[in-house]
Amino acid sequence: MGNVRPLNHSKYGISKNRFMELYYWCLQYGEWREELKYKTDTLKSMSLTAIPSGHNPADVTQQLAIKRVMLEQNCRLIEQTAIETDPEIYKYILKAVTEEDITYEYLRMMMEIPCSHNTYYDRRRKFYWLLDKRKK
């Protein structure tokens, strides 16, 4: 988990365990994006055996469609929360909350984040606070 510390419970009303839940949920963003990008064909999901499985192609297609909608909603929730947190630096917030070990120093040196250390960490806390409200 690197240098990520839970939010101050008394200030933000988010317990350590709830913060960890949100933190790890956001880290799945890259997996969700990959799945949306590559898992589009229901034929790959179907078993090619002579044994009846009880699933027809319509079921598989429906399951894939439902899964894709869920993944899209999850990604959109993270993206929209980052934008709402701070429209000026949302892409840095998005990177920081969806990838492990992204520090302010990395964002400053590699991506030239246009804000101070204090502003960045304030916005990151605000992101998790907003996400907590949206995911209840």
Protein backbone atom coordinates (compact mmCIF):
# COMPACT_ATOMS: atom_id res chain seq x y z
CA MET A 1 0.00 0.00 0.00
CA GLY A 2 3.00 2.31 0.05
CA ASN A 3 2.64 5.70 1.71
CA VAL A 4 -1.15 5.94 1.63
CA ARG A 5 -2.61 6.83 5.00
CA PRO A 6 -6.29 6.63 5.88
CA LEU A 7 -8.17 9.89 6.30
CA ASN A 8 -8.65 11.51 9.67
CA HIS A 9 -11.83 9.79 10.87
CA SER A 10 -13.03 12.66 13.04
CA LYS A 11 -12.58 15.18 10.21
CA TYR A 12 -13.92 13.14 7.27
CA GLY A 13 -16.14 10.54 8.95
CA ILE A 14 -14.49 7.68 7.08
CA SER A 15 -13.17 4.76 9.10
CA LYS A 16 -9.81 3.18 8.32
CA ASN A 17 -11.53 0.08 6.93
CA ARG A 18 -13.93 2.11 4.77
CA PHE A 19 -11.00 4.13 3.43
CA MET A 20 -9.15 0.91 2.58
CA GLU A 21 -12.28 -0.38 0.82
CA LEU A 22 -12.47 2.79 -1.31
CA TYR A 23 -8.71 2.79 -1.91
CA TYR A 24 -8.62 -0.79 -3.22
CA TRP A 25 -11.85 -0.32 -5.17
CA CYS A 26 -10.24 2.55 -7.08
CA LEU A 27 -7.13 0.48 -7.81
CA GLN A 28 -9.32 -1.83 -9.90
CA TYR A 29 -9.93 1.02 -12.38
CA GLY A 30 -7.12 -0.14 -14.70
CA GLU A 31 -8.44 -3.70 -14.72
CA TRP A 32 -11.93 -2.44 -15.51
CA ARG A 33 -10.63 -0.28 -18.37
CA GLU A 34 -8.71 -3.27 -19.80
CA GLU A 35 -11.76 -5.50 -19.54
CA LEU A 36 -13.91 -2.90 -21.29
CA LYS A 37 -11.31 -2.53 -24.01
CA TYR A 38 -10.71 -6.21 -24.72
CA LYS A 39 -13.69 -8.23 -23.48
CA THR A 40 -16.24 -7.38 -26.12
CA ASP A 41 -16.80 -10.74 -27.83
CA THR A 42 -19.26 -13.20 -26.31
CA LEU A 43 -17.97 -16.01 -28.52
CA LYS A 44 -14.75 -16.20 -26.49
CA SER A 45 -16.86 -16.68 -23.38
CA MET A 46 -18.84 -19.59 -24.75
CA SER A 47 -17.73 -23.17 -24.21
CA LEU A 48 -17.21 -25.12 -27.43
CA THR A 49 -18.12 -28.56 -26.13
CA ALA A 50 -20.88 -30.96 -27.13
CA ILE A 51 -22.17 -31.03 -23.55
CA PRO A 52 -25.23 -28.83 -23.02
CA SER A 53 -24.44 -26.19 -20.44
CA GLY A 54 -27.85 -24.64 -19.92
CA HIS A 55 -26.62 -21.27 -21.22
CA ASN A 56 -27.66 -20.08 -24.61
CA PRO A 57 -25.82 -17.35 -26.54
CA ALA A 58 -28.45 -14.79 -25.52
CA ASP A 59 -27.66 -15.45 -21.83
CA VAL A 60 -23.94 -14.99 -22.44
CA THR A 61 -24.54 -11.80 -24.42
CA GLN A 62 -26.84 -10.45 -21.71
CA GLN A 63 -24.32 -11.29 -18.97
CA LEU A 64 -21.54 -9.55 -20.89
CA ALA A 65 -23.73 -6.49 -21.47
CA ILE A 66 -24.62 -6.27 -17.77
CA LYS A 67 -20.97 -6.69 -16.77
CA ARG A 68 -19.87 -3.95 -19.21
CA VAL A 69 -22.52 -1.53 -17.92
CA MET A 70 -21.36 -2.15 -14.34
CA LEU A 71 -17.70 -1.62 -15.27
CA GLU A 72 -18.54 1.55 -17.21
CA GLN A 73 -20.51 2.89 -14.24
CA ASN A 74 -17.62 2.17 -11.87
CA CYS A 75 -15.11 3.92 -14.15
CA ARG A 76 -17.43 6.87 -14.68
CA LEU A 77 -17.98 7.23 -10.93
CA ILE A 78 -14.24 7.46 -10.31
CA GLU A 79 -13.70 9.84 -13.25
CA GLN A 80 -16.61 12.11 -12.35
CA THR A 81 -15.57 12.21 -8.71
CA ALA A 82 -12.05 13.23 -9.74
CA ILE A 83 -13.46 16.00 -11.96
CA GLU A 84 -15.78 17.21 -9.21
CA THR A 85 -12.89 17.15 -6.74
CA ASP A 86 -10.92 19.65 -8.81
CA PRO A 87 -11.50 20.25 -12.54
CA GLU A 88 -8.02 21.78 -12.88
CA ILE A 89 -6.03 18.80 -11.60
CA TYR A 90 -8.49 15.92 -11.99
CA LYS A 91 -6.21 13.95 -14.33
CA TYR A 92 -3.49 13.91 -11.65
CA ILE A 93 -6.02 12.92 -8.98
CA LEU A 94 -7.32 10.18 -11.27
CA LYS A 95 -3.84 8.78 -11.79
CA ALA A 96 -3.02 8.95 -8.09
CA VAL A 97 -6.14 7.16 -6.91
CA THR A 98 -6.17 4.47 -9.60
CA GLU A 99 -2.51 3.42 -9.53
CA GLU A 100 -0.37 2.29 -6.62
CA ASP A 101 2.64 4.25 -5.41
CA ILE A 102 1.84 7.50 -7.25
CA THR A 103 3.28 10.18 -5.01
CA TYR A 104 3.18 13.94 -5.22
CA GLU A 105 6.89 13.86 -6.11
CA TYR A 106 6.17 11.57 -9.05
CA LEU A 107 3.32 13.81 -10.21
CA ARG A 108 5.51 16.89 -9.87
CA MET A 109 8.60 15.51 -11.57
CA MET A 110 7.08 13.27 -14.24
CA MET A 111 3.75 14.95 -14.98
CA GLU A 112 4.41 18.53 -13.82
CA ILE A 113 1.33 18.78 -11.59
CA PRO A 114 0.38 22.49 -11.41
CA CYS A 115 -0.25 22.76 -7.68
CA SER A 116 1.49 22.58 -4.32
CA HIS A 117 2.02 19.51 -2.19
CA ASN A 118 -0.61 20.72 0.30
CA THR A 119 -3.19 21.41 -2.41
CA TYR A 120 -2.66 18.00 -3.98
CA TYR A 121 -3.09 16.10 -0.70
CA ASP A 122 -6.11 18.22 0.22
CA ARG A 123 -7.75 17.34 -3.11
CA ARG A 124 -6.88 13.65 -2.77
CA ARG A 125 -8.60 13.59 0.63
CA LYS A 126 -11.56 15.43 -0.86
CA PHE A 127 -11.75 12.78 -3.62
CA TYR A 128 -12.12 9.95 -1.12
CA TRP A 129 -14.61 11.98 0.93
CA LEU A 130 -16.76 12.59 -2.17
CA LEU A 131 -16.43 8.99 -3.32
CA ASP A 132 -17.53 7.76 0.08
CA LYS A 133 -20.69 9.90 -0.19
CA ARG A 134 -21.43 8.67 -3.73
CA LYS A 135 -20.92 4.99 -2.97
CA LYS A 136 -23.25 4.81 0.05
